Amino acid sequence: MIKVSMFYPNTNGSKFDMSYYLKTHIPMVQQKLGAALKGASVEHGLGGGQAGSPPTFLAMGHLLSIRSKPSNRRGRRTAASASHRHIAS
């Protein structure tokens, strides 16, 4: 099993478009990885470690795959590149 996790830190002035991530970004990743992707989940940060504190991360995304053959490497690179473009924009 391979698990790839993306963390989106809650820094001063940062924003996260959860609707875009769920409706556009995750389906795009699913399409790019195809059958190699066995699961995807997204978590929305609600609060920090102390009551009333802001969340450390605005969101976290997780991708699961059971394949680790070399033929799958291109798909993983594509997902990483797609995530990087999303973070940068």
N, C-alpha and C. Protein backbone atom coordinates (compact mmCIF):
# COMPACT_ATOMS: atom_id res chain seq x y z
N MET A 1 0.85 -1.18 0.00
CA MET A 1 0.00 0.00 0.00
C MET A 1 0.89 1.23 0.00
N ILE A 2 0.55 2.17 -0.83
CA ILE A 2 1.24 3.45 -0.89
C ILE A 2 0.23 4.53 -0.53
N LYS A 3 0.62 5.40 0.40
CA LYS A 3 -0.25 6.52 0.77
C LYS A 3 0.54 7.80 0.54
N VAL A 4 -0.03 8.69 -0.25
CA VAL A 4 0.56 9.99 -0.49
C VAL A 4 -0.34 11.03 0.15
N SER A 5 0.24 11.87 1.00
CA SER A 5 -0.55 12.88 1.70
C SER A 5 -0.04 14.27 1.35
N MET A 6 -0.98 15.18 1.13
CA MET A 6 -0.67 16.58 0.87
C MET A 6 -1.23 17.39 2.04
N PHE A 7 -0.40 18.25 2.60
CA PHE A 7 -0.80 19.09 3.71
C PHE A 7 -0.79 20.55 3.27
N TYR A 8 -1.85 21.25 3.56
CA TYR A 8 -1.99 22.66 3.19
C TYR A 8 -1.97 23.47 4.48
N PRO A 9 -0.79 24.03 4.85
CA PRO A 9 -0.66 24.73 6.13
C PRO A 9 -1.50 25.99 6.23
N ASN A 10 -1.91 26.27 7.43
CA ASN A 10 -2.69 27.47 7.73
C ASN A 10 -1.71 28.57 8.13
N THR A 11 -1.24 29.31 7.13
CA THR A 11 -0.33 30.42 7.40
C THR A 11 -1.11 31.73 7.35
N ASN A 12 -0.53 32.78 7.83
CA ASN A 12 -1.19 34.08 7.88
C ASN A 12 -1.69 34.49 6.49
N GLY A 13 -2.98 34.70 6.35
CA GLY A 13 -3.58 35.12 5.09
C GLY A 13 -3.87 34.01 4.11
N SER A 14 -3.56 32.75 4.46
CA SER A 14 -3.79 31.66 3.52
C SER A 14 -5.28 31.32 3.44
N LYS A 15 -5.68 30.83 2.25
CA LYS A 15 -7.06 30.42 2.01
C LYS A 15 -7.03 29.09 1.29
N PHE A 16 -8.09 28.34 1.40
CA PHE A 16 -8.19 27.05 0.73
C PHE A 16 -9.60 26.92 0.18
N ASP A 17 -9.71 26.68 -1.12
CA ASP A 17 -11.01 26.54 -1.79
C ASP A 17 -11.43 25.07 -1.77
N MET A 18 -12.10 24.66 -0.71
CA MET A 18 -12.49 23.26 -0.55
C MET A 18 -13.44 22.82 -1.66
N SER A 19 -14.33 23.67 -2.08
CA SER A 19 -15.26 23.32 -3.15
C SER A 19 -14.51 22.98 -4.44
N TYR A 20 -13.55 23.82 -4.81
CA TYR A 20 -12.73 23.53 -6.00
C TYR A 20 -11.98 22.22 -5.83
N TYR A 21 -11.38 22.03 -4.67
CA TYR A 21 -10.57 20.84 -4.42
C TYR A 21 -11.40 19.57 -4.57
N LEU A 22 -12.62 19.59 -4.01
CA LEU A 22 -13.48 18.41 -4.06
C LEU A 22 -14.13 18.19 -5.43
N LYS A 23 -14.55 19.27 -6.06
CA LYS A 23 -15.31 19.15 -7.32
C LYS A 23 -14.44 19.10 -8.57
N THR A 24 -13.23 19.66 -8.50
CA THR A 24 -12.38 19.74 -9.69
C THR A 24 -11.05 19.01 -9.53
N HIS A 25 -10.32 19.33 -8.46
CA HIS A 25 -8.97 18.81 -8.32
C HIS A 25 -8.94 17.30 -8.08
N ILE A 26 -9.69 16.81 -7.11
CA ILE A 26 -9.69 15.37 -6.82
C ILE A 26 -10.18 14.56 -8.02
N PRO A 27 -11.28 14.94 -8.69
CA PRO A 27 -11.67 14.18 -9.89
C PRO A 27 -10.59 14.18 -10.98
N MET A 28 -9.85 15.28 -11.13
CA MET A 28 -8.76 15.32 -12.11
C MET A 28 -7.66 14.33 -11.74
N VAL A 29 -7.31 14.26 -10.47
CA VAL A 29 -6.30 13.31 -10.01
C VAL A 29 -6.80 11.88 -10.22
N GLN A 30 -8.07 11.64 -9.91
CA GLN A 30 -8.64 10.31 -10.12
C GLN A 30 -8.56 9.91 -11.60
N GLN A 31 -8.84 10.84 -12.49
CA GLN A 31 -8.80 10.56 -13.92
C GLN A 31 -7.35 10.29 -14.36
N LYS A 32 -6.40 11.05 -13.86
CA LYS A 32 -4.99 10.88 -14.24
C LYS A 32 -4.43 9.55 -13.75
N LEU A 33 -4.78 9.14 -12.54
CA LEU A 33 -4.22 7.91 -11.98
C LEU A 33 -5.01 6.66 -12.35
N GLY A 34 -6.26 6.82 -12.70
CA GLY A 34 -7.07 5.69 -13.14
C GLY A 34 -7.15 4.58 -12.11
N ALA A 35 -7.00 3.34 -12.58
CA ALA A 35 -7.16 2.16 -11.73
C ALA A 35 -6.07 2.05 -10.66
N ALA A 36 -4.96 2.76 -10.83
CA ALA A 36 -3.90 2.72 -9.82
C ALA A 36 -4.34 3.36 -8.51
N LEU A 37 -5.30 4.28 -8.59
CA LEU A 37 -5.81 4.95 -7.39
C LEU A 37 -6.89 4.09 -6.76
N LYS A 38 -6.65 3.68 -5.54
CA LYS A 38 -7.62 2.83 -4.83
C LYS A 38 -8.47 3.60 -3.85
N GLY A 39 -8.10 4.83 -3.55
CA GLY A 39 -8.90 5.63 -2.63
C GLY A 39 -8.35 7.04 -2.51
N ALA A 40 -9.22 7.96 -2.19
CA ALA A 40 -8.83 9.35 -1.97
C ALA A 40 -9.70 9.90 -0.86
N SER A 41 -9.10 10.72 -0.01
CA SER A 41 -9.88 11.36 1.05
C SER A 41 -9.34 12.77 1.27
N VAL A 42 -10.21 13.62 1.78
CA VAL A 42 -9.85 15.01 2.05
C VAL A 42 -10.37 15.36 3.44
N GLU A 43 -9.54 16.02 4.21
CA GLU A 43 -9.92 16.45 5.55
C GLU A 43 -9.83 17.97 5.62
N HIS A 44 -10.79 18.57 6.27
CA HIS A 44 -10.84 20.02 6.43
C HIS A 44 -10.45 20.36 7.86
N GLY A 45 -9.43 21.22 8.02
CA GLY A 45 -8.99 21.61 9.36
C GLY A 45 -10.06 22.40 10.09
N LEU A 46 -10.38 22.00 11.30
CA LEU A 46 -11.43 22.68 12.07
C LEU A 46 -10.89 23.49 13.24
N GLY A 47 -9.82 23.00 13.87
CA GLY A 47 -9.26 23.69 15.02
C GLY A 47 -7.91 23.14 15.37
N GLY A 48 -7.17 23.89 16.15
CA GLY A 48 -5.83 23.50 16.55
C GLY A 48 -5.83 22.61 17.78
N GLY A 49 -4.65 22.44 18.35
CA GLY A 49 -4.48 21.57 19.50
C GLY A 49 -5.11 22.09 20.78
N GLN A 50 -5.31 23.40 20.87
CA GLN A 50 -5.92 23.99 22.06
C GLN A 50 -7.29 24.54 21.70
N ALA A 51 -8.19 24.49 22.64
CA ALA A 51 -9.55 24.98 22.41
C ALA A 51 -9.53 26.41 21.89
N GLY A 52 -10.24 26.64 20.79
CA GLY A 52 -10.35 27.97 20.22
C GLY A 52 -9.20 28.39 19.32
N SER A 53 -8.18 27.56 19.20
CA SER A 53 -7.04 27.93 18.35
C SER A 53 -7.31 27.54 16.89
N PRO A 54 -6.71 28.26 15.95
CA PRO A 54 -6.94 27.94 14.54
C PRO A 54 -6.28 26.61 14.16
N PRO A 55 -6.76 25.98 13.09
CA PRO A 55 -6.17 24.70 12.68
C PRO A 55 -4.74 24.89 12.18
N THR A 56 -3.91 23.90 12.42
CA THR A 56 -2.53 23.92 11.91
C THR A 56 -2.53 23.81 10.40
N PHE A 57 -3.45 22.99 9.87
CA PHE A 57 -3.59 22.81 8.43
C PHE A 57 -5.01 23.15 8.01
N LEU A 58 -5.13 23.88 6.90
CA LEU A 58 -6.46 24.19 6.37
C LEU A 58 -7.12 22.94 5.81
N ALA A 59 -6.31 22.08 5.21
CA ALA A 59 -6.83 20.83 4.63
C ALA A 59 -5.69 19.84 4.47
N MET A 60 -6.07 18.57 4.35
CA MET A 60 -5.14 17.50 4.05
C MET A 60 -5.80 16.60 3.02
N GLY A 61 -5.04 16.20 2.02
CA GLY A 61 -5.54 15.28 1.01
C GLY A 61 -4.72 14.01 1.05
N HIS A 62 -5.37 12.86 0.85
CA HIS A 62 -4.69 11.57 0.93
C HIS A 62 -5.08 10.72 -0.28
N LEU A 63 -4.08 10.12 -0.92
CA LEU A 63 -4.30 9.21 -2.05
C LEU A 63 -3.75 7.84 -1.68
N LEU A 64 -4.49 6.78 -2.01
CA LEU A 64 -4.07 5.42 -1.72
C LEU A 64 -3.92 4.61 -3.00
N SER A 65 -2.85 3.83 -3.05
CA SER A 65 -2.60 2.96 -4.19
C SER A 65 -1.95 1.69 -3.67
N ILE A 66 -2.23 0.57 -4.31
CA ILE A 66 -1.56 -0.67 -3.91
C ILE A 66 -0.46 -1.05 -4.90
N ARG A 67 -0.38 -0.31 -6.00
CA ARG A 67 0.61 -0.63 -7.03
C ARG A 67 1.89 0.16 -6.80
N SER A 68 3.01 -0.52 -6.99
CA SER A 68 4.29 0.16 -6.89
C SER A 68 5.22 -0.27 -8.02
N LYS A 69 4.67 -0.81 -9.08
CA LYS A 69 5.47 -1.22 -10.23
C LYS A 69 6.01 0.00 -10.96
N PRO A 70 7.16 -0.13 -11.64
CA PRO A 70 7.72 1.00 -12.39
C PRO A 70 6.74 1.62 -13.39
N SER A 71 5.83 0.80 -13.95
CA SER A 71 4.88 1.34 -14.92
C SER A 71 3.94 2.36 -14.29
N ASN A 72 3.86 2.40 -12.97
CA ASN A 72 2.98 3.33 -12.28
C ASN A 72 3.67 4.64 -11.94
N ARG A 73 4.96 4.71 -12.11
CA ARG A 73 5.71 5.92 -11.72
C ARG A 73 5.24 7.15 -12.46
N ARG A 74 4.93 7.03 -13.73
CA ARG A 74 4.48 8.19 -14.49
C ARG A 74 3.20 8.76 -13.88
N GLY A 75 2.28 7.91 -13.48
CA GLY A 75 1.04 8.37 -12.87
C GLY A 75 1.28 9.11 -11.57
N ARG A 76 2.20 8.62 -10.77
CA ARG A 76 2.50 9.30 -9.50
C ARG A 76 3.12 10.66 -9.76
N ARG A 77 4.00 10.75 -10.76
CA ARG A 77 4.60 12.03 -11.09
C ARG A 77 3.53 13.01 -11.55
N THR A 78 2.59 12.53 -12.34
CA THR A 78 1.51 13.38 -12.84
C THR A 78 0.70 13.94 -11.68
N ALA A 79 0.37 13.09 -10.71
CA ALA A 79 -0.41 13.55 -9.56
C ALA A 79 0.39 14.58 -8.76
N ALA A 80 1.68 14.32 -8.57
CA ALA A 80 2.51 15.26 -7.81
C ALA A 80 2.60 16.59 -8.55
N SER A 81 2.77 16.55 -9.86
CA SER A 81 2.84 17.77 -10.63
C SER A 81 1.52 18.53 -10.56
N ALA A 82 0.41 17.80 -10.65
CA ALA A 82 -0.91 18.43 -10.58
C ALA A 82 -1.10 19.10 -9.23
N SER A 83 -0.69 18.41 -8.15
CA SER A 83 -0.83 18.98 -6.81
C SER A 83 0.05 20.21 -6.66
N HIS A 84 1.25 20.14 -7.21
CA HIS A 84 2.16 21.28 -7.11
C HIS A 84 1.57 22.50 -7.82
N ARG A 85 1.00 22.29 -9.01
CA ARG A 85 0.38 23.41 -9.72
C ARG A 85 -0.77 23.99 -8.91
N HIS A 86 -1.54 23.12 -8.25
CA HIS A 86 -2.67 23.59 -7.46
C HIS A 86 -2.18 24.45 -6.29
N ILE A 87 -1.14 24.01 -5.62
CA ILE A 87 -0.61 24.75 -4.47
C ILE A 87 -0.07 26.10 -4.91
N ALA A 88 0.61 26.12 -6.06
CA ALA A 88 1.25 27.35 -6.51
C ALA A 88 0.25 28.39 -6.99
N SER A 89 -0.92 27.96 -7.45
CA SER A 89 -1.87 28.95 -8.00
C SER A 89 -2.72 29.60 -6.95
